[in-house]
């Protein structure tokens, strides 16, 4: 199980939101590239970056900061937020990004996912963000009519190999992941699931090991010091 340290960027700064709410924001640093280097130095094998401005505005906003992150580390970087066109994907890959996460657009236009997967293969990851089991869109401001598992099956049929599954109710709370929701997804869909939301300590990491998720994204707990990245990585590797 891989641990993905998260860097959320808003106005060029490293921030964390509470339950995806833009009025509940904490700033943790003004240099995302330095933060990425820190997580790499502690053993991070894959950096997860979210362009929060992009998610809200529907187009990439923090391209320069993301490019600097890719130039600063030797480990792969995946990013999402505001990916709405094939050009957006091209632009992110040109920055040095290894995997691009499509969220809102995957729900509103599944054909876009099919086209992206045909062209870019496993560089395409789909972000499924759920509120009460239903897929949320547009920076989590709206809820779609799709159930998360049902939607995951649909995109798996298109050739998508990996999803980032976020439980919005737990995101940024440090209160623990929604283990039941992650388990349901892993058991029902033949796809790699990266769990996101609610990680607050090492026990939460341990709780996801038997579930069978491919990885876990952790953000706030790393920034507050509640979680030690090196220890989390060891647990993920079964050491």
Foldseek 3Di string as FASTA:
>chain_A
DAEAEEFEDDPQFGWFAALLDPVRIDTQGNQVLVVLLVLVVLPHQEYEYEDLVLLQVLADDPLVSLLSNLVNDPHAYEYEGNPAAPVRVVSNVVSVHQAYEAEQNCVVPVVRLLVCCVVPNASYEYEAEDEVQFGAGSSNPGTDPHGRLRSLQVSVVSRHAEYEYEHSNQAPVLQAFPQVVLLVNVVRHNHAYEYEGNNAALVNLLSNQVSPHPYYYDYPNVSVVRYRSNVSRCVNVVD
